[in-house]
Amino acid sequence: MKIADIKKMRNRAPFRAFEVHLTTGEVLPVQHPENMSMPEDETEMFVVWTKRDWNLVEATQVARISVQRRAAK
């Protein structure tokens, strides 16, 4: 996946939580735009998905991104 597409999801306004699906089958939830940061070189991304745990993921490891459904009111 292209890093530009991932940035679009993070920078979307209004922000909607999404999940990053990796080629390994792992799924990383992104609940807030501040939970993801990307370095200047745009070759990898940093995803915080719990209070203390984080994953450093190369963009090539991203299989797809899915927007989380909004809870029914």
PDB file of N, CA and C in Angstrom:
ATOM      1  N   MET A   1       0.849  -1.177   0.000  1.00  0.00           N
ATOM      2  CA  MET A   1       0.000   0.000   0.000  1.00  0.00           C
ATOM      3  C   MET A   1       0.890   1.235   0.000  1.00  0.00           C
ATOM      4  N   LYS A   2       0.409   2.295  -0.616  1.00  0.00           N
ATOM      5  CA  LYS A   2       1.185   3.528  -0.683  1.00  0.00           C
ATOM      6  C   LYS A   2       1.024   4.325   0.615  1.00  0.00           C
ATOM      7  N   ILE A   3       2.138   4.884   1.071  1.00  0.00           N
ATOM      8  CA  ILE A   3       2.129   5.665   2.307  1.00  0.00           C
ATOM      9  C   ILE A   3       1.211   6.876   2.188  1.00  0.00           C
ATOM     10  N   ALA A   4       1.074   7.432   0.989  1.00  0.00           N
ATOM     11  CA  ALA A   4       0.193   8.586   0.782  1.00  0.00           C
ATOM     12  C   ALA A   4      -1.263   8.225   1.096  1.00  0.00           C
ATOM     13  N   ASP A   5      -1.680   7.009   0.739  1.00  0.00           N
ATOM     14  CA  ASP A   5      -3.045   6.567   1.026  1.00  0.00           C
ATOM     15  C   ASP A   5      -3.268   6.389   2.528  1.00  0.00           C
ATOM     16  N   ILE A   6      -2.255   5.904   3.214  1.00  0.00           N
ATOM     17  CA  ILE A   6      -2.348   5.724   4.662  1.00  0.00           C
ATOM     18  C   ILE A   6      -2.427   7.086   5.344  1.00  0.00           C
ATOM     19  N   LYS A   7      -1.633   8.046   4.864  1.00  0.00           N
ATOM     20  CA  LYS A   7      -1.673   9.405   5.420  1.00  0.00           C
ATOM     21  C   LYS A   7      -3.049  10.037   5.228  1.00  0.00           C
ATOM     22  N   LYS A   8      -3.676   9.795   4.079  1.00  0.00           N
ATOM     23  CA  LYS A   8      -5.015  10.338   3.825  1.00  0.00           C
ATOM     24  C   LYS A   8      -6.003   9.843   4.876  1.00  0.00           C
ATOM     25  N   MET A   9      -5.908   8.575   5.235  1.00  0.00           N
ATOM     26  CA  MET A   9      -6.802   8.030   6.259  1.00  0.00           C
ATOM     27  C   MET A   9      -6.543   8.687   7.610  1.00  0.00           C
ATOM     28  N   ARG A  10      -5.279   8.876   7.944  1.00  0.00           N
ATOM     29  CA  ARG A  10      -4.933   9.492   9.224  1.00  0.00           C
ATOM     30  C   ARG A  10      -5.361  10.955   9.277  1.00  0.00           C
ATOM     31  N   ASN A  11      -5.254  11.663   8.157  1.00  0.00           N
ATOM     32  CA  ASN A  11      -5.530  13.098   8.127  1.00  0.00           C
ATOM     33  C   ASN A  11      -6.971  13.434   7.759  1.00  0.00           C
ATOM     34  N   ARG A  12      -7.791  12.451   7.551  1.00  0.00           N
ATOM     35  CA  ARG A  12      -9.183  12.663   7.154  1.00  0.00           C
ATOM     36  C   ARG A  12      -9.927  13.513   8.186  1.00  0.00           C
ATOM     37  N   ALA A  13     -10.750  14.451   7.700  1.00  0.00           N
ATOM     38  CA  ALA A  13     -11.538  15.302   8.604  1.00  0.00           C
ATOM     39  C   ALA A  13     -13.005  15.222   8.193  1.00  0.00           C
ATOM     40  N   PRO A  14     -13.888  14.832   9.069  1.00  0.00           N
ATOM     41  CA  PRO A  14     -13.583  14.427  10.442  1.00  0.00           C
ATOM     42  C   PRO A  14     -12.932  13.040  10.457  1.00  0.00           C
ATOM     43  N   PHE A  15     -12.083  12.841  11.429  1.00  0.00           N
ATOM     44  CA  PHE A  15     -11.375  11.568  11.567  1.00  0.00           C
ATOM     45  C   PHE A  15     -12.352  10.456  11.901  1.00  0.00           C
ATOM     46  N   ARG A  16     -12.156   9.309  11.286  1.00  0.00           N
ATOM     47  CA  ARG A  16     -12.901   8.101  11.644  1.00  0.00           C
ATOM     48  C   ARG A  16     -11.897   7.008  11.955  1.00  0.00           C
ATOM     49  N   ALA A  17     -12.126   6.318  13.054  1.00  0.00           N
ATOM     50  CA  ALA A  17     -11.227   5.238  13.456  1.00  0.00           C
ATOM     51  C   ALA A  17     -11.130   4.218  12.323  1.00  0.00           C
ATOM     52  N   PHE A  18      -9.935   3.633  12.177  1.00  0.00           N
ATOM     53  CA  PHE A  18      -9.751   2.628  11.134  1.00  0.00           C
ATOM     54  C   PHE A  18      -8.808   1.538  11.620  1.00  0.00           C
ATOM     55  N   GLU A  19      -8.720   0.480  10.852  1.00  0.00           N
ATOM     56  CA  GLU A  19      -7.845  -0.635  11.173  1.00  0.00           C
ATOM     57  C   GLU A  19      -6.864  -0.846  10.035  1.00  0.00           C
ATOM     58  N   VAL A  20      -5.624  -1.094  10.411  1.00  0.00           N
ATOM     59  CA  VAL A  20      -4.576  -1.395   9.452  1.00  0.00           C
ATOM     60  C   VAL A  20      -4.414  -2.910   9.447  1.00  0.00           C
ATOM     61  N   HIS A  21      -4.687  -3.535   8.311  1.00  0.00           N
ATOM     62  CA  HIS A  21      -4.571  -4.986   8.159  1.00  0.00           C
ATOM     63  C   HIS A  21      -3.221  -5.294   7.525  1.00  0.00           C
ATOM     64  N   LEU A  22      -2.406  -6.074   8.228  1.00  0.00           N
ATOM     65  CA  LEU A  22      -1.064  -6.399   7.742  1.00  0.00           C
ATOM     66  C   LEU A  22      -1.078  -7.688   6.933  1.00  0.00           C
ATOM     67  N   THR A  23      -0.060  -7.874   6.130  1.00  0.00           N
ATOM     68  CA  THR A  23       0.051  -9.083   5.312  1.00  0.00           C
ATOM     69  C   THR A  23       0.225 -10.332   6.178  1.00  0.00           C
ATOM     70  N   THR A  24       0.590 -10.161   7.435  1.00  0.00           N
ATOM     71  CA  THR A  24       0.749 -11.283   8.366  1.00  0.00           C
ATOM     72  C   THR A  24      -0.583 -11.737   8.952  1.00  0.00           C
ATOM     73  N   GLY A  25      -1.642 -10.941   8.711  1.00  0.00           N
ATOM     74  CA  GLY A  25      -2.949 -11.242   9.279  1.00  0.00           C
ATOM     75  C   GLY A  25      -3.242 -10.431  10.529  1.00  0.00           C
ATOM     76  N   GLU A  26      -2.244  -9.773  11.064  1.00  0.00           N
ATOM     77  CA  GLU A  26      -2.447  -8.941  12.257  1.00  0.00           C
ATOM     78  C   GLU A  26      -3.241  -7.690  11.892  1.00  0.00           C
ATOM     79  N   VAL A  27      -4.057  -7.213  12.825  1.00  0.00           N
ATOM     80  CA  VAL A  27      -4.863  -6.013  12.611  1.00  0.00           C
ATOM     81  C   VAL A  27      -4.519  -5.009  13.702  1.00  0.00           C
ATOM     82  N   LEU A  28      -4.166  -3.775  13.291  1.00  0.00           N
ATOM     83  CA  LEU A  28      -3.803  -2.722  14.225  1.00  0.00           C
ATOM     84  C   LEU A  28      -4.868  -1.636  14.190  1.00  0.00           C
ATOM     85  N   PRO A  29      -5.611  -1.449  15.291  1.00  0.00           N
ATOM     86  CA  PRO A  29      -6.622  -0.393  15.314  1.00  0.00           C
ATOM     87  C   PRO A  29      -5.989   0.977  15.531  1.00  0.00           C
ATOM     88  N   VAL A  30      -6.496   1.976  14.833  1.00  0.00           N
ATOM     89  CA  VAL A  30      -6.060   3.361  14.995  1.00  0.00           C
ATOM     90  C   VAL A  30      -7.297   4.144  15.420  1.00  0.00           C
ATOM     91  N   GLN A  31      -7.390   4.439  16.714  1.00  0.00           N
ATOM     92  CA  GLN A  31      -8.571   5.076  17.279  1.00  0.00           C
ATOM     93  C   GLN A  31      -8.539   6.597  17.202  1.00  0.00           C
ATOM     94  N   HIS A  32      -7.351   7.157  16.983  1.00  0.00           N
ATOM     95  CA  HIS A  32      -7.190   8.613  16.970  1.00  0.00           C
ATOM     96  C   HIS A  32      -6.007   8.943  16.061  1.00  0.00           C
ATOM     97  N   PRO A  33      -6.045  10.073  15.347  1.00  0.00           N
ATOM     98  CA  PRO A  33      -4.929  10.384  14.442  1.00  0.00           C
ATOM     99  C   PRO A  33      -3.584  10.492  15.151  1.00  0.00           C
ATOM    100  N   GLU A  34      -3.577  10.838  16.418  1.00  0.00           N
ATOM    101  CA  GLU A  34      -2.318  10.928  17.157  1.00  0.00           C
ATOM    102  C   GLU A  34      -1.740   9.557  17.484  1.00  0.00           C
ATOM    103  N   ASN A  35      -2.488   8.500  17.219  1.00  0.00           N
ATOM    104  CA  ASN A  35      -2.000   7.143  17.454  1.00  0.00           C
ATOM    105  C   ASN A  35      -1.099   6.658  16.328  1.00  0.00           C
ATOM    106  N   MET A  36      -0.883   7.489  15.319  1.00  0.00           N
ATOM    107  CA  MET A  36      -0.042   7.114  14.193  1.00  0.00           C
ATOM    108  C   MET A  36       0.866   8.284  13.842  1.00  0.00           C
ATOM    109  N   SER A  37       2.150   7.995  13.693  1.00  0.00           N
ATOM    110  CA  SER A  37       3.060   9.030  13.221  1.00  0.00           C
ATOM    111  C   SER A  37       3.916   8.437  12.118  1.00  0.00           C
ATOM    112  N   MET A  38       4.313   9.271  11.184  1.00  0.00           N
ATOM    113  CA  MET A  38       5.095   8.805  10.039  1.00  0.00           C
ATOM    114  C   MET A  38       6.344   9.657   9.897  1.00  0.00           C
ATOM    115  N   PRO A  39       7.506   9.034   9.704  1.00  0.00           N
ATOM    116  CA  PRO A  39       8.742   9.788   9.558  1.00  0.00           C
ATOM    117  C   PRO A  39       8.800  10.515   8.216  1.00  0.00           C
ATOM    118  N   GLU A  40       9.726  11.440   8.120  1.00  0.00           N
ATOM    119  CA  GLU A  40       9.893  12.247   6.914  1.00  0.00           C
ATOM    120  C   GLU A  40      10.184  11.413   5.664  1.00  0.00           C
ATOM    121  N   ASP A  41      10.941  10.327   5.808  1.00  0.00           N
ATOM    122  CA  ASP A  41      11.354   9.564   4.620  1.00  0.00           C
ATOM    123  C   ASP A  41      10.225   8.735   4.016  1.00  0.00           C
ATOM    124  N   GLU A  42       9.096   8.637   4.701  1.00  0.00           N
ATOM    125  CA  GLU A  42       7.894   7.965   4.202  1.00  0.00           C
ATOM    126  C   GLU A  42       8.120   6.505   3.826  1.00  0.00           C
ATOM    127  N   THR A  43       9.017   5.818   4.496  1.00  0.00           N
ATOM    128  CA  THR A  43       9.226   4.406   4.183  1.00  0.00           C
ATOM    129  C   THR A  43       8.600   3.477   5.213  1.00  0.00           C
ATOM    130  N   GLU A  44       8.251   4.013   6.379  1.00  0.00           N
ATOM    131  CA  GLU A  44       7.633   3.188   7.412  1.00  0.00           C
ATOM    132  C   GLU A  44       6.712   4.048   8.257  1.00  0.00           C
ATOM    133  N   MET A  45       5.872   3.401   9.054  1.00  0.00           N
ATOM    134  CA  MET A  45       4.975   4.171   9.906  1.00  0.00           C
ATOM    135  C   MET A  45       4.991   3.616  11.311  1.00  0.00           C
ATOM    136  N   PHE A  46       4.616   4.430  12.249  1.00  0.00           N
ATOM    137  CA  PHE A  46       4.615   4.082  13.656  1.00  0.00           C
ATOM    138  C   PHE A  46       3.168   4.096  14.127  1.00  0.00           C
ATOM    139  N   VAL A  47       2.688   3.001  14.632  1.00  0.00           N
ATOM    140  CA  VAL A  47       1.290   2.906  15.052  1.00  0.00           C
ATOM    141  C   VAL A  47       1.239   2.575  16.539  1.00  0.00           C
ATOM    142  N   VAL A  48       0.577   3.405  17.326  1.00  0.00           N
ATOM    143  CA  VAL A  48       0.339   3.109  18.733  1.00  0.00           C
ATOM    144  C   VAL A  48      -1.074   2.558  18.820  1.00  0.00           C
ATOM    145  N   TRP A  49      -1.230   1.369  19.367  1.00  0.00           N
ATOM    146  CA  TRP A  49      -2.577   0.804  19.385  1.00  0.00           C
ATOM    147  C   TRP A  49      -3.048   0.360  20.759  1.00  0.00           C
ATOM    148  N   THR A  50      -2.219   0.504  21.757  1.00  0.00           N
ATOM    149  CA  THR A  50      -2.650   0.334  23.145  1.00  0.00           C
ATOM    150  C   THR A  50      -1.895   1.353  23.988  1.00  0.00           C
ATOM    151  N   LYS A  51      -2.162   1.360  25.253  1.00  0.00           N
ATOM    152  CA  LYS A  51      -1.559   2.372  26.119  1.00  0.00           C
ATOM    153  C   LYS A  51      -0.041   2.380  26.074  1.00  0.00           C
ATOM    154  N   ARG A  52       0.586   1.202  26.088  1.00  0.00           N
ATOM    155  CA  ARG A  52       2.051   1.163  26.135  1.00  0.00           C
ATOM    156  C   ARG A  52       2.688   0.410  24.979  1.00  0.00           C
ATOM    157  N   ASP A  53       1.918  -0.326  24.208  1.00  0.00           N
ATOM    158  CA  ASP A  53       2.471  -1.130  23.117  1.00  0.00           C
ATOM    159  C   ASP A  53       2.437  -0.366  21.806  1.00  0.00           C
ATOM    160  N   TRP A  54       3.411  -0.606  20.961  1.00  0.00           N
ATOM    161  CA  TRP A  54       3.469   0.028  19.652  1.00  0.00           C
ATOM    162  C   TRP A  54       4.090  -0.937  18.660  1.00  0.00           C
ATOM    163  N   ASN A  55       3.841  -0.657  17.396  1.00  0.00           N
ATOM    164  CA  ASN A  55       4.404  -1.455  16.305  1.00  0.00           C
ATOM    165  C   ASN A  55       5.017  -0.525  15.278  1.00  0.00           C
ATOM    166  N   LEU A  56       6.184  -0.876  14.802  1.00  0.00           N
ATOM    167  CA  LEU A  56       6.813  -0.171  13.696  1.00  0.00           C
ATOM    168  C   LEU A  56       6.583  -1.028  12.461  1.00  0.00           C
ATOM    169  N   VAL A  57       5.875  -0.484  11.481  1.00  0.00           N
ATOM    170  CA  VAL A  57       5.440  -1.272  10.342  1.00  0.00           C
ATOM    171  C   VAL A  57       5.898  -0.617   9.046  1.00  0.00           C
ATOM    172  N   GLU A  58       6.452  -1.404   8.144  1.00  0.00           N
ATOM    173  CA  GLU A  58       6.789  -0.891   6.818  1.00  0.00           C
ATOM    174  C   GLU A  58       5.506  -0.826   5.989  1.00  0.00           C
ATOM    175  N   ALA A  59       5.373   0.202   5.180  1.00  0.00           N
ATOM    176  CA  ALA A  59       4.176   0.383   4.362  1.00  0.00           C
ATOM    177  C   ALA A  59       3.910  -0.836   3.482  1.00  0.00           C
ATOM    178  N   THR A  60       4.948  -1.528   3.069  1.00  0.00           N
ATOM    179  CA  THR A  60       4.774  -2.711   2.222  1.00  0.00           C
ATOM    180  C   THR A  60       4.106  -3.861   2.967  1.00  0.00           C
ATOM    181  N   GLN A  61       4.066  -3.795   4.300  1.00  0.00           N
ATOM    182  CA  GLN A  61       3.402  -4.820   5.097  1.00  0.00           C
ATOM    183  C   GLN A  61       1.899  -4.598   5.211  1.00  0.00           C
ATOM    184  N   VAL A  62       1.411  -3.445   4.759  1.00  0.00           N
ATOM    185  CA  VAL A  62      -0.007  -3.121   4.873  1.00  0.00           C
ATOM    186  C   VAL A  62      -0.756  -3.725   3.686  1.00  0.00           C
ATOM    187  N   ALA A  63      -1.668  -4.641   3.981  1.00  0.00           N
ATOM    188  CA  ALA A  63      -2.466  -5.279   2.942  1.00  0.00           C
ATOM    189  C   ALA A  63      -3.664  -4.414   2.568  1.00  0.00           C
ATOM    190  N   ARG A  64      -4.301  -3.831   3.601  1.00  0.00           N
ATOM    191  CA  ARG A  64      -5.459  -2.971   3.370  1.00  0.00           C
ATOM    192  C   ARG A  64      -5.771  -2.193   4.634  1.00  0.00           C
ATOM    193  N   ILE A  65      -6.651  -1.208   4.475  1.00  0.00           N
ATOM    194  CA  ILE A  65      -7.141  -0.419   5.597  1.00  0.00           C
ATOM    195  C   ILE A  65      -8.656  -0.470   5.555  1.00  0.00           C
ATOM    196  N   SER A  66      -9.273  -0.638   6.707  1.00  0.00           N
ATOM    197  CA  SER A  66     -10.736  -0.626   6.755  1.00  0.00           C
ATOM    198  C   SER A  66     -11.201   0.378   7.801  1.00  0.00           C
ATOM    199  N   VAL A  67     -12.238   1.137   7.433  1.00  0.00           N
ATOM    200  CA  VAL A  67     -12.821   2.111   8.350  1.00  0.00           C
ATOM    201  C   VAL A  67     -13.740   1.364   9.293  1.00  0.00           C
ATOM    202  N   GLN A  68     -13.623   1.670  10.583  1.00  0.00           N
ATOM    203  CA  GLN A  68     -14.483   1.017  11.561  1.00  0.00           C
ATOM    204  C   GLN A  68     -15.884   1.581  11.449  1.00  0.00           C
ATOM    205  N   ARG A  69     -16.851   0.713  11.569  1.00  0.00           N
ATOM    206  CA  ARG A  69     -18.242   1.167  11.515  1.00  0.00           C
ATOM    207  C   ARG A  69     -18.589   1.961  12.749  1.00  0.00           C
ATOM    208  N   ARG A  70     -19.421   2.956  12.539  1.00  0.00           N
ATOM    209  CA  ARG A  70     -19.882   3.768  13.683  1.00  0.00           C
ATOM    210  C   ARG A  70     -20.910   2.972  14.450  1.00  0.00           C
ATOM    211  N   ALA A  71     -20.895   3.162  15.750  1.00  0.00           N
ATOM    212  CA  ALA A  71     -21.859   2.467  16.611  1.00  0.00           C
ATOM    213  C   ALA A  71     -23.271   3.000  16.347  1.00  0.00           C
ATOM    214  N   ALA A  72     -24.237   2.109  16.347  1.00  0.00           N
ATOM    215  CA  ALA A  72     -25.628   2.518  16.130  1.00  0.00           C
ATOM    216  C   ALA A  72     -26.114   3.305  17.321  1.00  0.00           C
ATOM    217  N   LYS A  73     -26.899   4.342  17.044  1.00  0.00           N
ATOM    218  CA  LYS A  73     -27.406   5.189  18.134  1.00  0.00           C
ATOM    219  C   LYS A  73     -28.773   4.725  18.571  1.00  0.00           C
TER     220      LYS A  73
END
